């Protein structure tokens, strides 16, 4: 199997294009928190209860094309791979015993089992497609609710471990690439407004993680007192404003005296990615950020946006180790990361 065939197998299935607003929006995600009525919530549940939850969910989805992956039955690198594909959260790795995830064939629907709640139903799509992601996640939720008894009250809604998820149990998020706003020193100003309208800004792996590569996740803070449609509408409205501001910043960079500096910046990054023999994860992500902007603005020709977006995943440690086929030391990862990036860009030439 050649390198490109291996890459296709390791890239997440939800990464597809083109999609609406995908020049700024990398992904749209919907997550539903649910618990089963007959069992203690995960932080209080014993081994038998946790296993019973897994068994009931697997049985409910046995004819729906989902496959169960047990975290306690896989190696550390396989678990890390699921995180880097955005199919599970880093929190699920903290205690893999009696935990798992059910994933559909297309890898755009995943159900984490026994994380903070019994079920975390996740639907993820590329670009700005929150309504589509919500429709897909809601269908799975309805399918499960027809077979399982959720912890639910008419007065409050769905009961969850964390009070901030009570009600709809719905968290929606979009991952935005905002390099131009950062270059014109406006990104903090733009994002600082969001908490005042009930939204939060998180890093590339969600709550508790830092931003990198000028990627930011915008998500709702409130799940109680609003309908699912109201939550999604609010996120879409705010996201559109941020998208417009990022595009305006890009146009300004192209139109004023800073264009030459911008061209130099993106081409230097492109040259390093094409020729470097060693790349740390941090350096690769910084270069990727500039190269993606250069391709989006058509300052770099001969390489597709899709191929550059794929590099975001290929530079991650877990995916890289699966691609090479063995565990790697940090020094070996830097060497192979540079080699994979060079080869992927070489074969991307149109």
Protein backbone atom coordinates (compact mmCIF):
# COMPACT_ATOMS: atom_id res chain seq x y z
CA UNK A 1 0.00 0.00 0.00
CA UNK A 2 1.49 3.37 -1.00
CA UNK A 3 1.53 6.51 1.10
CA UNK A 4 -1.55 8.12 -0.43
CA UNK A 5 -3.65 4.97 0.14
CA UNK A 6 -2.61 4.94 3.81
CA UNK A 7 -3.44 8.62 4.11
CA UNK A 8 -6.95 8.06 2.76
CA UNK A 9 -7.54 5.38 5.39
CA UNK A 10 -6.37 7.59 8.27
CA UNK A 11 -8.05 10.89 7.40
CA UNK A 12 -11.41 11.31 9.16
CA UNK A 13 -14.39 10.50 6.98
CA UNK A 14 -16.13 13.79 7.79
CA UNK A 15 -13.33 15.76 6.10
CA UNK A 16 -14.86 16.35 2.72
CA UNK A 17 -15.21 19.35 0.46
CA UNK A 18 -16.17 21.68 -0.90
CA UNK A 19 -18.62 22.87 1.76
CA UNK A 20 -20.30 26.21 2.58
CA UNK A 21 -17.93 28.85 3.98
CA UNK A 22 -15.08 26.33 4.12
CA UNK A 23 -12.56 29.08 3.41
CA UNK A 24 -13.00 30.07 7.07
CA UNK A 25 -14.98 27.24 8.73
CA UNK A 26 -13.07 23.97 9.05
CA UNK A 27 -15.88 22.00 10.71
CA UNK A 28 -19.33 22.11 12.28
CA UNK A 29 -20.15 19.86 15.23
CA UNK A 30 -23.25 19.00 17.23
CA UNK A 31 -23.01 17.08 20.51
CA UNK A 32 -25.88 15.75 22.60
CA UNK A 33 -25.36 14.69 26.23
CA UNK A 34 -27.63 11.87 27.40
CA UNK A 35 -27.85 9.50 30.37
CA UNK A 36 -29.79 6.29 30.90
CA UNK A 37 -32.42 6.45 33.61
CA UNK A 38 -31.71 3.12 35.29
CA UNK A 39 -27.99 3.61 35.99
CA UNK A 40 -25.80 5.88 38.09
CA UNK A 41 -24.05 8.59 36.12
CA UNK A 42 -20.52 7.57 35.02
CA UNK A 43 -18.61 9.28 37.85
CA UNK A 44 -20.67 7.25 40.39
CA UNK A 45 -21.30 4.08 38.40
CA UNK A 46 -19.58 0.78 39.12
CA UNK A 47 -18.06 -1.55 36.57
CA UNK A 48 -21.27 -3.56 36.07
CA UNK A 49 -23.32 -0.44 35.40
CA UNK A 50 -20.78 0.97 32.95
CA UNK A 51 -20.71 -2.33 31.10
CA UNK A 52 -24.50 -2.45 31.05
CA UNK A 53 -24.62 0.99 29.43
CA UNK A 54 -22.23 -0.12 26.69
CA UNK A 55 -24.25 -3.28 26.11
CA UNK A 56 -27.60 -1.48 25.88
CA UNK A 57 -26.34 1.16 23.45
CA UNK A 58 -24.61 -1.42 21.26
CA UNK A 59 -27.81 -3.50 21.17
CA UNK A 60 -29.94 -0.46 20.29
CA UNK A 61 -27.69 0.35 17.31
CA UNK A 62 -26.93 -3.18 16.11
CA UNK A 63 -28.81 -2.68 12.83
CA UNK A 64 -27.75 0.91 12.21
CA UNK A 65 -24.26 0.53 10.77
CA UNK A 66 -22.36 1.59 13.91
CA UNK A 67 -19.26 -0.26 15.13
CA UNK A 68 -18.20 -0.41 18.79
CA UNK A 69 -14.58 0.42 19.61
CA UNK A 70 -13.58 -0.46 23.17
CA UNK A 71 -10.95 1.92 24.54
CA UNK A 72 -9.72 -0.66 27.04
CA UNK A 73 -9.15 -3.05 24.15
CA UNK A 74 -6.83 -0.83 22.11
CA UNK A 75 -3.35 0.60 22.46
CA UNK A 76 -2.51 4.15 23.42
CA UNK A 77 -1.69 5.16 19.83
CA UNK A 78 -5.06 3.88 18.60
CA UNK A 79 -6.84 5.92 21.26
CA UNK A 80 -4.85 9.02 20.32
CA UNK A 81 -5.81 8.46 16.68
CA UNK A 82 -9.51 8.74 17.59
CA UNK A 83 -8.86 12.05 19.37
CA UNK A 84 -6.96 13.46 16.41
CA UNK A 85 -9.77 12.44 14.07
CA UNK A 86 -12.16 14.34 16.38
CA UNK A 87 -14.21 11.20 17.02
CA UNK A 88 -13.64 11.25 20.80
CA UNK A 89 -12.59 13.85 23.36
CA UNK A 90 -9.25 13.88 25.23
CA UNK A 91 -11.27 13.45 28.46
CA UNK A 92 -12.39 9.98 27.40
CA UNK A 93 -8.74 8.86 27.47
CA UNK A 94 -8.28 9.73 31.15
CA UNK A 95 -9.89 6.46 32.22
CA UNK A 96 -10.27 4.05 29.27
CA UNK A 97 -11.58 1.20 31.41
CA UNK A 98 -15.21 0.38 30.54
CA UNK A 99 -15.28 3.19 27.98
CA UNK A 100 -15.84 3.11 24.26
CA UNK A 101 -17.10 4.82 21.15
CA UNK A 102 -19.52 3.76 18.45
CA UNK A 103 -18.74 5.14 14.98
CA UNK A 104 -20.70 4.94 11.74
CA UNK A 105 -19.18 3.89 8.41
CA UNK A 106 -18.79 7.46 7.16
CA UNK A 107 -17.05 8.55 10.39
CA UNK A 108 -19.24 11.64 10.71
CA UNK A 109 -21.31 10.26 13.60
CA UNK A 110 -19.80 9.02 16.85
CA UNK A 111 -21.22 8.15 20.26
CA UNK A 112 -18.84 8.32 23.19
CA UNK A 113 -19.77 5.89 25.94
CA UNK A 114 -19.25 6.62 29.65
CA UNK A 115 -17.33 9.86 29.31
CA UNK A 116 -18.83 12.59 31.55
CA UNK A 117 -22.28 11.26 30.62
CA UNK A 118 -23.39 7.80 29.53
CA UNK A 119 -23.73 8.98 25.93
CA UNK A 120 -22.24 11.86 24.00
CA UNK A 121 -23.80 11.75 20.54
CA UNK A 122 -21.63 13.69 18.11
CA UNK A 123 -22.30 14.70 14.51
CA UNK A 124 -19.48 16.45 12.64
CA UNK A 125 -19.28 17.80 9.08
CA UNK A 126 -16.85 19.97 7.15
CA UNK A 127 -17.62 23.64 6.50
CA UNK A 128 -20.56 25.59 7.89
CA UNK A 129 -23.25 22.91 8.07
CA UNK A 130 -24.64 23.05 11.58
CA UNK A 131 -28.22 22.43 10.48
CA UNK A 132 -27.20 19.29 8.59
CA UNK A 133 -25.10 18.11 11.54
CA UNK A 134 -28.02 18.72 13.90
CA UNK A 135 -30.43 16.79 11.67
CA UNK A 136 -28.06 13.80 11.55
CA UNK A 137 -27.38 13.83 15.30
CA UNK A 138 -31.07 14.22 16.09
CA UNK A 139 -31.93 11.17 13.97
CA UNK A 140 -29.49 9.03 15.99
CA UNK A 141 -30.86 10.49 19.23
CA UNK A 142 -34.43 9.60 18.20
CA UNK A 143 -33.32 6.10 17.26
CA UNK A 144 -31.72 5.56 20.65
CA UNK A 145 -34.57 7.13 22.59
CA UNK A 146 -36.98 4.70 20.94
CA UNK A 147 -35.00 1.82 22.47
CA UNK A 148 -33.60 3.29 25.69
CA UNK A 149 -35.04 5.20 28.64
CA UNK A 150 -33.23 8.50 29.09
CA UNK A 151 -32.87 10.41 32.37
CA UNK A 152 -35.40 13.15 31.60
CA UNK A 153 -38.01 15.33 33.30
CA UNK A 154 -40.69 17.46 31.68
CA UNK A 155 -39.76 20.45 33.84
CA UNK A 156 -35.99 20.47 33.31
CA UNK A 157 -35.33 18.34 30.24
CA UNK A 158 -32.41 15.93 29.86
CA UNK A 159 -30.45 15.34 33.08
CA UNK A 160 -26.66 15.46 32.83
CA UNK A 161 -23.63 15.16 35.07
CA UNK A 162 -22.67 18.81 34.63
CA UNK A 163 -25.43 21.38 35.34
CA UNK A 164 -24.35 23.47 32.33
CA UNK A 165 -25.55 20.69 30.01
CA UNK A 166 -28.98 20.23 31.61
CA UNK A 167 -31.99 20.93 29.40
CA UNK A 168 -31.42 20.21 25.75
CA UNK A 169 -28.00 18.68 26.46
CA UNK A 170 -26.94 20.33 23.21
CA UNK A 171 -23.52 21.76 22.48
CA UNK A 172 -22.88 23.08 18.99
CA UNK A 173 -19.56 24.39 17.76
CA UNK A 174 -17.80 25.62 14.67
CA UNK A 175 -14.04 25.56 14.17
CA UNK A 176 -12.85 28.74 12.49
CA UNK A 177 -9.52 29.57 10.84
CA UNK A 178 -8.83 33.26 11.55
CA UNK A 179 -5.28 34.08 10.38
CA UNK A 180 -6.05 37.49 8.85
CA UNK A 181 -7.76 38.78 11.99
CA UNK A 182 -4.67 37.73 13.92
CA UNK A 183 -2.38 39.51 11.44
CA UNK A 184 -4.27 42.79 11.81
CA UNK A 185 -4.38 42.38 15.61
CA UNK A 186 -8.18 42.13 15.73
CA UNK A 187 -8.79 38.50 16.68
CA UNK A 188 -8.84 39.09 20.46
CA UNK A 189 -11.17 42.06 20.07
CA UNK A 190 -13.58 40.09 17.87
CA UNK A 191 -13.63 36.99 20.07
CA UNK A 192 -13.77 38.88 23.38
CA UNK A 193 -17.35 39.89 22.60
CA UNK A 194 -18.62 36.31 22.39
CA UNK A 195 -18.85 35.48 26.13
CA UNK A 196 -21.14 38.50 26.54
CA UNK A 197 -23.67 36.90 24.17
CA UNK A 198 -23.57 33.45 25.82
CA UNK A 199 -20.89 31.86 23.64
CA UNK A 200 -17.46 30.47 24.51
CA UNK A 201 -14.19 30.27 22.62
CA UNK A 202 -12.09 27.12 22.94
CA UNK A 203 -8.99 25.51 21.47
CA UNK A 204 -8.62 22.90 18.76
CA UNK A 205 -9.69 19.99 20.98
CA UNK A 206 -12.47 21.79 22.81
CA UNK A 207 -12.86 22.77 26.45
CA UNK A 208 -9.63 23.24 28.37
CA UNK A 209 -7.40 23.29 25.27
CA UNK A 210 -5.49 26.16 23.71
CA UNK A 211 -5.85 27.67 20.29
CA UNK A 212 -3.17 26.77 17.76
CA UNK A 213 -2.72 27.53 14.09
CA UNK A 214 -5.20 30.41 14.48
CA UNK A 215 -7.98 27.86 14.88
CA UNK A 216 -10.78 28.65 17.33
CA UNK A 217 -13.92 26.75 18.33
CA UNK A 218 -17.00 28.84 19.03
CA UNK A 219 -19.72 27.07 21.02
CA UNK A 220 -22.81 27.78 23.11
CA UNK A 221 -22.58 28.11 26.89
CA UNK A 222 -26.30 27.73 27.68
CA UNK A 223 -28.36 24.58 27.07
CA UNK A 224 -31.30 25.29 29.39
CA UNK A 225 -34.15 27.64 28.51
CA UNK A 226 -33.48 27.68 24.77
CA UNK A 227 -34.68 25.29 22.09
CA UNK A 228 -32.23 23.42 19.89
CA UNK A 229 -33.23 25.59 16.94
CA UNK A 230 -32.61 28.80 18.93
CA UNK A 231 -29.15 27.63 20.00
CA UNK A 232 -28.16 26.73 16.45
CA UNK A 233 -29.59 29.95 15.02
CA UNK A 234 -27.57 32.01 17.49
CA UNK A 235 -24.32 30.23 16.66
CA UNK A 236 -24.94 30.61 12.93
CA UNK A 237 -25.70 34.32 13.28
CA UNK A 238 -22.55 35.06 15.28
CA UNK A 239 -20.42 32.79 13.09
CA UNK A 240 -21.51 34.69 9.99
CA UNK A 241 -20.36 37.95 11.56
CA UNK A 242 -16.94 36.48 12.41
CA UNK A 243 -16.63 35.00 8.90
CA UNK A 244 -17.40 38.40 7.36
CA UNK A 245 -14.80 40.07 9.58
CA UNK A 246 -12.15 37.51 8.68
CA UNK A 247 -12.87 37.90 4.97
CA UNK A 248 -12.73 41.70 5.28
CA UNK A 249 -9.35 41.41 7.00
CA UNK A 250 -8.08 39.19 4.19
CA UNK A 251 -9.24 41.69 1.57
CA UNK A 252 -7.54 44.51 3.47
CA UNK A 253 -4.26 42.60 3.61
CA UNK A 254 -4.40 42.08 -0.15
CA UNK A 255 -5.33 45.67 -0.95
CA UNK A 256 -2.90 47.73 1.10
CA UNK A 257 0.85 48.08 1.40
CA UNK A 258 1.09 44.89 3.46
CA UNK A 259 0.38 42.65 0.45
CA UNK A 260 4.08 42.14 -0.26
CA UNK A 261 4.73 41.16 3.36
CA UNK A 262 1.77 38.78 3.19
CA UNK A 263 3.06 37.17 -0.01
CA UNK A 264 6.51 36.82 1.53
CA UNK A 265 5.05 35.26 4.67
CA UNK A 266 2.98 32.60 2.93
CA UNK A 267 5.66 31.71 0.37
CA UNK A 268 8.34 31.40 3.05
CA UNK A 269 6.05 29.03 4.92
CA UNK A 270 5.32 27.07 1.74
CA UNK A 271 9.02 26.81 0.94
CA UNK A 272 9.83 25.50 4.41
CA UNK A 273 7.06 22.92 4.28
CA UNK A 274 8.24 21.72 0.86
CA UNK A 275 11.92 21.50 1.82
CA UNK A 276 12.28 21.05 5.60
CA UNK A 277 13.94 17.86 6.84
CA UNK A 278 12.78 18.26 10.44
CA UNK A 279 9.46 19.67 11.63
CA UNK A 280 8.12 19.82 15.15
CA UNK A 281 4.37 19.61 15.60
CA UNK A 282 4.23 23.24 16.74
CA UNK A 283 6.30 24.55 13.83
CA UNK A 284 4.37 22.51 11.29
CA UNK A 285 1.07 23.92 12.55
CA UNK A 286 2.34 27.51 12.31
CA UNK A 287 3.55 26.92 8.75
CA UNK A 288 0.29 25.17 7.86
CA UNK A 289 -1.67 28.18 9.05
CA UNK A 290 0.18 30.48 6.63
CA UNK A 291 0.17 28.06 3.71
CA UNK A 292 -3.57 27.47 4.00
CA UNK A 293 -4.17 31.23 3.96
CA UNK A 294 -1.91 31.58 0.92
CA UNK A 295 -3.77 28.89 -1.00
CA UNK A 296 -7.19 30.25 0.00
CA UNK A 297 -6.16 33.71 -1.28
CA UNK A 298 -4.65 32.21 -4.46
CA UNK A 299 -1.23 33.60 -3.59
CA UNK A 300 0.12 30.05 -3.81
CA UNK A 301 -0.76 28.17 -6.98
CA UNK A 302 -0.47 24.56 -7.98
CA UNK A 303 -1.81 23.00 -4.76
CA UNK A 304 -5.40 22.37 -3.72
CA UNK A 305 -7.03 23.67 -0.57
CA UNK A 306 -8.19 20.13 0.24
CA UNK A 307 -4.63 18.79 0.18
CA UNK A 308 -3.40 21.52 2.53
CA UNK A 309 -6.29 20.90 4.93
CA UNK A 310 -5.35 17.24 5.03
CA UNK A 311 -1.92 18.24 6.32
CA UNK A 312 -3.55 19.52 9.52
CA UNK A 313 -4.24 15.90 10.41
CA UNK A 314 -1.10 14.32 8.97
CA UNK A 315 1.21 16.38 11.20
CA UNK A 316 -0.51 15.15 14.38
CA UNK A 317 1.54 12.61 16.39
CA UNK A 318 -1.00 9.78 16.49
CA UNK A 319 -1.95 9.89 12.81
CA UNK A 320 1.71 10.25 11.83
CA UNK A 321 2.70 7.15 13.80
CA UNK A 322 -0.09 5.12 12.20
CA UNK A 323 1.02 6.37 8.81
CA UNK A 324 4.61 5.24 9.39
CA UNK A 325 3.44 2.03 11.06
CA UNK A 326 5.34 2.15 14.35
CA UNK A 327 5.77 4.09 17.57
CA UNK A 328 8.17 7.00 17.12
CA UNK A 329 10.40 8.97 19.43
CA UNK A 330 9.91 12.78 19.35
CA UNK A 331 13.02 13.11 17.19
CA UNK A 332 11.78 10.45 14.77
CA UNK A 333 8.39 12.16 14.56
CA UNK A 334 10.05 15.41 13.52
CA UNK A 335 11.92 13.61 10.75
CA UNK A 336 8.96 11.63 9.42
CA UNK A 337 6.59 14.60 9.78
CA UNK A 338 8.79 16.64 7.45
CA UNK A 339 9.06 13.74 5.00
CA UNK A 340 5.28 13.17 4.91
CA UNK A 341 4.62 16.91 4.44
CA UNK A 342 7.11 17.11 1.55
CA UNK A 343 5.63 14.08 -0.17
CA UNK A 344 2.03 15.18 0.33
CA UNK A 345 2.73 18.61 -1.15
CA UNK A 346 4.74 17.11 -4.01
CA UNK A 347 1.87 14.84 -5.05
CA UNK A 348 -0.59 17.71 -4.61
CA UNK A 349 0.77 19.62 -7.60
CA UNK A 350 -2.01 20.04 -10.15
